[in-house]
Amino acid sequence: MFVLEEIILRIEELRLELNRLANCKLLSDPELIHVSQLLDDVLNQYHRMIQRRTTE
């Protein structure tokens, strides 16, 4: 599987997990914040890869 496809799948997994947590925990919950930060990191990675592809 291509790296970009793996990143997209990971984004979807983290997005679903974040939504699940947001429905049952406070937004200040450490677990929810952790998943949000993981999602931010993966989204940044995705953005960098897309930028590289468009500049090549």
PDB file of N, CA and C in Angstrom:
ATOM      1  N   MET A   1       0.848  -1.185   0.000  1.00  0.00           N
ATOM      2  CA  MET A   1       0.000   0.000   0.000  1.00  0.00           C
ATOM      3  C   MET A   1       0.887   1.239   0.000  1.00  0.00           C
ATOM      4  N   PHE A   2       0.468   2.232  -0.715  1.00  0.00           N
ATOM      5  CA  PHE A   2       1.232   3.466  -0.769  1.00  0.00           C
ATOM      6  C   PHE A   2       1.194   4.188   0.564  1.00  0.00           C
ATOM      7  N   VAL A   3       2.242   4.923   0.845  1.00  0.00           N
ATOM      8  CA  VAL A   3       2.344   5.651   2.110  1.00  0.00           C
ATOM      9  C   VAL A   3       1.196   6.646   2.247  1.00  0.00           C
ATOM     10  N   LEU A   4       0.866   7.340   1.182  1.00  0.00           N
ATOM     11  CA  LEU A   4      -0.215   8.324   1.246  1.00  0.00           C
ATOM     12  C   LEU A   4      -1.540   7.654   1.606  1.00  0.00           C
ATOM     13  N   GLU A   5      -1.800   6.496   1.055  1.00  0.00           N
ATOM     14  CA  GLU A   5      -3.031   5.763   1.383  1.00  0.00           C
ATOM     15  C   GLU A   5      -3.043   5.355   2.851  1.00  0.00           C
ATOM     16  N   GLU A   6      -1.895   4.950   3.364  1.00  0.00           N
ATOM     17  CA  GLU A   6      -1.797   4.586   4.781  1.00  0.00           C
ATOM     18  C   GLU A   6      -2.080   5.787   5.666  1.00  0.00           C
ATOM     19  N   ILE A   7      -1.575   6.931   5.283  1.00  0.00           N
ATOM     20  CA  ILE A   7      -1.808   8.154   6.056  1.00  0.00           C
ATOM     21  C   ILE A   7      -3.291   8.509   6.045  1.00  0.00           C
ATOM     22  N   ILE A   8      -3.917   8.390   4.885  1.00  0.00           N
ATOM     23  CA  ILE A   8      -5.350   8.692   4.786  1.00  0.00           C
ATOM     24  C   ILE A   8      -6.160   7.747   5.672  1.00  0.00           C
ATOM     25  N   LEU A   9      -5.805   6.472   5.685  1.00  0.00           N
ATOM     26  CA  LEU A   9      -6.498   5.519   6.555  1.00  0.00           C
ATOM     27  C   LEU A   9      -6.298   5.872   8.022  1.00  0.00           C
ATOM     28  N   ARG A  10      -5.090   6.257   8.376  1.00  0.00           N
ATOM     29  CA  ARG A  10      -4.799   6.645   9.764  1.00  0.00           C
ATOM     30  C   ARG A  10      -5.582   7.892  10.158  1.00  0.00           C
ATOM     31  N   ILE A  11      -5.693   8.840   9.259  1.00  0.00           N
ATOM     32  CA  ILE A  11      -6.485  10.043   9.530  1.00  0.00           C
ATOM     33  C   ILE A  11      -7.929   9.652   9.828  1.00  0.00           C
ATOM     34  N   GLU A  12      -8.483   8.779   9.020  1.00  0.00           N
ATOM     35  CA  GLU A  12      -9.864   8.351   9.220  1.00  0.00           C
ATOM     36  C   GLU A  12     -10.038   7.620  10.549  1.00  0.00           C
ATOM     37  N   GLU A  13      -9.091   6.747  10.891  1.00  0.00           N
ATOM     38  CA  GLU A  13      -9.152   6.036  12.175  1.00  0.00           C
ATOM     39  C   GLU A  13      -9.131   7.010  13.345  1.00  0.00           C
ATOM     40  N   LEU A  14      -8.206   7.952  13.301  1.00  0.00           N
ATOM     41  CA  LEU A  14      -8.085   8.918  14.394  1.00  0.00           C
ATOM     42  C   LEU A  14      -9.289   9.848  14.459  1.00  0.00           C
ATOM     43  N   ARG A  15      -9.827  10.210  13.311  1.00  0.00           N
ATOM     44  CA  ARG A  15     -11.002  11.077  13.285  1.00  0.00           C
ATOM     45  C   ARG A  15     -12.195  10.376  13.944  1.00  0.00           C
ATOM     46  N   LEU A  16     -12.382   9.102  13.618  1.00  0.00           N
ATOM     47  CA  LEU A  16     -13.469   8.339  14.224  1.00  0.00           C
ATOM     48  C   LEU A  16     -13.268   8.184  15.729  1.00  0.00           C
ATOM     49  N   GLU A  17     -12.035   7.902  16.129  1.00  0.00           N
ATOM     50  CA  GLU A  17     -11.732   7.769  17.564  1.00  0.00           C
ATOM     51  C   GLU A  17     -11.968   9.090  18.293  1.00  0.00           C
ATOM     52  N   LEU A  18     -11.563  10.180  17.689  1.00  0.00           N
ATOM     53  CA  LEU A  18     -11.767  11.489  18.309  1.00  0.00           C
ATOM     54  C   LEU A  18     -13.258  11.781  18.462  1.00  0.00           C
ATOM     55  N   ASN A  19     -14.037  11.487  17.445  1.00  0.00           N
ATOM     56  CA  ASN A  19     -15.489  11.695  17.538  1.00  0.00           C
ATOM     57  C   ASN A  19     -16.102  10.822  18.623  1.00  0.00           C
ATOM     58  N   ARG A  20     -15.648   9.579  18.704  1.00  0.00           N
ATOM     59  CA  ARG A  20     -16.166   8.673  19.736  1.00  0.00           C
ATOM     60  C   ARG A  20     -15.865   9.214  21.132  1.00  0.00           C
ATOM     61  N   LEU A  21     -14.633   9.646  21.323  1.00  0.00           N
ATOM     62  CA  LEU A  21     -14.241  10.181  22.630  1.00  0.00           C
ATOM     63  C   LEU A  21     -14.986  11.471  22.956  1.00  0.00           C
ATOM     64  N   ALA A  22     -15.177  12.314  21.956  1.00  0.00           N
ATOM     65  CA  ALA A  22     -15.850  13.596  22.185  1.00  0.00           C
ATOM     66  C   ALA A  22     -17.303  13.393  22.612  1.00  0.00           C
ATOM     67  N   ASN A  23     -17.886  12.255  22.249  1.00  0.00           N
ATOM     68  CA  ASN A  23     -19.262  11.977  22.627  1.00  0.00           C
ATOM     69  C   ASN A  23     -19.412  11.483  24.060  1.00  0.00           C
ATOM     70  N   CYS A  24     -18.314  11.050  24.664  1.00  0.00           N
ATOM     71  CA  CYS A  24     -18.446  10.479  26.013  1.00  0.00           C
ATOM     72  C   CYS A  24     -17.491  11.088  27.043  1.00  0.00           C
ATOM     73  N   LYS A  25     -16.644  12.002  26.620  1.00  0.00           N
ATOM     74  CA  LYS A  25     -15.691  12.605  27.558  1.00  0.00           C
ATOM     75  C   LYS A  25     -15.712  14.120  27.427  1.00  0.00           C
ATOM     76  N   LEU A  26     -15.183  14.773  28.432  1.00  0.00           N
ATOM     77  CA  LEU A  26     -15.025  16.227  28.355  1.00  0.00           C
ATOM     78  C   LEU A  26     -13.943  16.557  27.338  1.00  0.00           C
ATOM     79  N   LEU A  27     -14.072  17.692  26.695  1.00  0.00           N
ATOM     80  CA  LEU A  27     -13.078  18.083  25.695  1.00  0.00           C
ATOM     81  C   LEU A  27     -11.700  18.326  26.307  1.00  0.00           C
ATOM     82  N   SER A  28     -11.643  18.482  27.607  1.00  0.00           N
ATOM     83  CA  SER A  28     -10.360  18.673  28.288  1.00  0.00           C
ATOM     84  C   SER A  28      -9.763  17.357  28.788  1.00  0.00           C
ATOM     85  N   ASP A  29     -10.399  16.237  28.496  1.00  0.00           N
ATOM     86  CA  ASP A  29      -9.904  14.934  28.933  1.00  0.00           C
ATOM     87  C   ASP A  29      -8.548  14.643  28.290  1.00  0.00           C
ATOM     88  N   PRO A  30      -7.577  14.190  29.063  1.00  0.00           N
ATOM     89  CA  PRO A  30      -6.233  13.927  28.523  1.00  0.00           C
ATOM     90  C   PRO A  30      -6.213  12.937  27.359  1.00  0.00           C
ATOM     91  N   GLU A  31      -7.038  11.919  27.401  1.00  0.00           N
ATOM     92  CA  GLU A  31      -7.070  10.938  26.306  1.00  0.00           C
ATOM     93  C   GLU A  31      -7.572  11.591  25.015  1.00  0.00           C
ATOM     94  N   LEU A  32      -8.604  12.406  25.138  1.00  0.00           N
ATOM     95  CA  LEU A  32      -9.149  13.099  23.970  1.00  0.00           C
ATOM     96  C   LEU A  32      -8.119  14.073  23.400  1.00  0.00           C
ATOM     97  N   ILE A  33      -7.435  14.785  24.261  1.00  0.00           N
ATOM     98  CA  ILE A  33      -6.400  15.719  23.810  1.00  0.00           C
ATOM     99  C   ILE A  33      -5.273  14.975  23.112  1.00  0.00           C
ATOM    100  N   HIS A  34      -4.896  13.828  23.645  1.00  0.00           N
ATOM    101  CA  HIS A  34      -3.831  13.028  23.043  1.00  0.00           C
ATOM    102  C   HIS A  34      -4.206  12.583  21.624  1.00  0.00           C
ATOM    103  N   VAL A  35      -5.414  12.079  21.457  1.00  0.00           N
ATOM    104  CA  VAL A  35      -5.854  11.636  20.132  1.00  0.00           C
ATOM    105  C   VAL A  35      -5.935  12.825  19.182  1.00  0.00           C
ATOM    106  N   SER A  36      -6.375  13.953  19.683  1.00  0.00           N
ATOM    107  CA  SER A  36      -6.431  15.164  18.862  1.00  0.00           C
ATOM    108  C   SER A  36      -5.036  15.568  18.389  1.00  0.00           C
ATOM    109  N   GLN A  37      -4.059  15.471  19.269  1.00  0.00           N
ATOM    110  CA  GLN A  37      -2.687  15.807  18.897  1.00  0.00           C
ATOM    111  C   GLN A  37      -2.118  14.807  17.893  1.00  0.00           C
ATOM    112  N   LEU A  38      -2.446  13.535  18.061  1.00  0.00           N
ATOM    113  CA  LEU A  38      -2.019  12.534  17.081  1.00  0.00           C
ATOM    114  C   LEU A  38      -2.609  12.841  15.709  1.00  0.00           C
ATOM    115  N   LEU A  39      -3.892  13.175  15.696  1.00  0.00           N
ATOM    116  CA  LEU A  39      -4.543  13.517  14.433  1.00  0.00           C
ATOM    117  C   LEU A  39      -3.883  14.741  13.810  1.00  0.00           C
ATOM    118  N   ASP A  40      -3.584  15.746  14.605  1.00  0.00           N
ATOM    119  CA  ASP A  40      -2.886  16.942  14.090  1.00  0.00           C
ATOM    120  C   ASP A  40      -1.561  16.556  13.442  1.00  0.00           C
ATOM    121  N   ASP A  41      -0.813  15.698  14.095  1.00  0.00           N
ATOM    122  CA  ASP A  41       0.482  15.272  13.555  1.00  0.00           C
ATOM    123  C   ASP A  41       0.332  14.555  12.211  1.00  0.00           C
ATOM    124  N   VAL A  42      -0.641  13.668  12.132  1.00  0.00           N
ATOM    125  CA  VAL A  42      -0.840  12.919  10.890  1.00  0.00           C
ATOM    126  C   VAL A  42      -1.357  13.843   9.786  1.00  0.00           C
ATOM    127  N   LEU A  43      -2.223  14.784  10.139  1.00  0.00           N
ATOM    128  CA  LEU A  43      -2.703  15.750   9.146  1.00  0.00           C
ATOM    129  C   LEU A  43      -1.555  16.616   8.626  1.00  0.00           C
ATOM    130  N   ASN A  44      -0.657  16.996   9.507  1.00  0.00           N
ATOM    131  CA  ASN A  44       0.516  17.768   9.076  1.00  0.00           C
ATOM    132  C   ASN A  44       1.408  16.942   8.153  1.00  0.00           C
ATOM    133  N   GLN A  45       1.577  15.684   8.492  1.00  0.00           N
ATOM    134  CA  GLN A  45       2.365  14.781   7.646  1.00  0.00           C
ATOM    135  C   GLN A  45       1.720  14.668   6.260  1.00  0.00           C
ATOM    136  N   TYR A  46       0.409  14.508   6.232  1.00  0.00           N
ATOM    137  CA  TYR A  46      -0.328  14.427   4.965  1.00  0.00           C
ATOM    138  C   TYR A  46      -0.139  15.704   4.144  1.00  0.00           C
ATOM    139  N   HIS A  47      -0.266  16.829   4.802  1.00  0.00           N
ATOM    140  CA  HIS A  47      -0.117  18.118   4.125  1.00  0.00           C
ATOM    141  C   HIS A  47       1.284  18.262   3.517  1.00  0.00           C
ATOM    142  N   ARG A  48       2.316  17.882   4.275  1.00  0.00           N
ATOM    143  CA  ARG A  48       3.682  17.959   3.760  1.00  0.00           C
ATOM    144  C   ARG A  48       3.866  17.055   2.541  1.00  0.00           C
ATOM    145  N   MET A  49       3.287  15.877   2.586  1.00  0.00           N
ATOM    146  CA  MET A  49       3.426  14.953   1.451  1.00  0.00           C
ATOM    147  C   MET A  49       2.721  15.511   0.211  1.00  0.00           C
ATOM    148  N   ILE A  50       1.572  16.084   0.385  1.00  0.00           N
ATOM    149  CA  ILE A  50       0.837  16.662  -0.740  1.00  0.00           C
ATOM    150  C   ILE A  50       1.622  17.842  -1.315  1.00  0.00           C
ATOM    151  N   GLN A  51       2.187  18.668  -0.449  1.00  0.00           N
ATOM    152  CA  GLN A  51       2.965  19.806  -0.920  1.00  0.00           C
ATOM    153  C   GLN A  51       4.170  19.339  -1.731  1.00  0.00           C
ATOM    154  N   ARG A  52       4.846  18.292  -1.254  1.00  0.00           N
ATOM    155  CA  ARG A  52       6.006  17.753  -1.971  1.00  0.00           C
ATOM    156  C   ARG A  52       5.613  17.249  -3.346  1.00  0.00           C
ATOM    157  N   ARG A  53       4.474  16.598  -3.424  1.00  0.00           N
ATOM    158  CA  ARG A  53       4.023  16.048  -4.708  1.00  0.00           C
ATOM    159  C   ARG A  53       3.693  17.162  -5.710  1.00  0.00           C
ATOM    160  N   THR A  54       3.167  18.265  -5.228  1.00  0.00           N
ATOM    161  CA  THR A  54       2.786  19.335  -6.145  1.00  0.00           C
ATOM    162  C   THR A  54       3.980  20.187  -6.564  1.00  0.00           C
ATOM    163  N   THR A  55       5.084  20.122  -5.797  1.00  0.00           N
ATOM    164  CA  THR A  55       6.255  20.898  -6.156  1.00  0.00           C
ATOM    165  C   THR A  55       7.270  20.105  -6.992  1.00  0.00           C
ATOM    166  N   GLU A  56       7.044  18.813  -7.093  1.00  0.00           N
ATOM    167  CA  GLU A  56       7.995  17.969  -7.854  1.00  0.00           C
ATOM    168  C   GLU A  56       7.731  18.062  -9.334  1.00  0.00           C
TER     169      GLU A  56
END
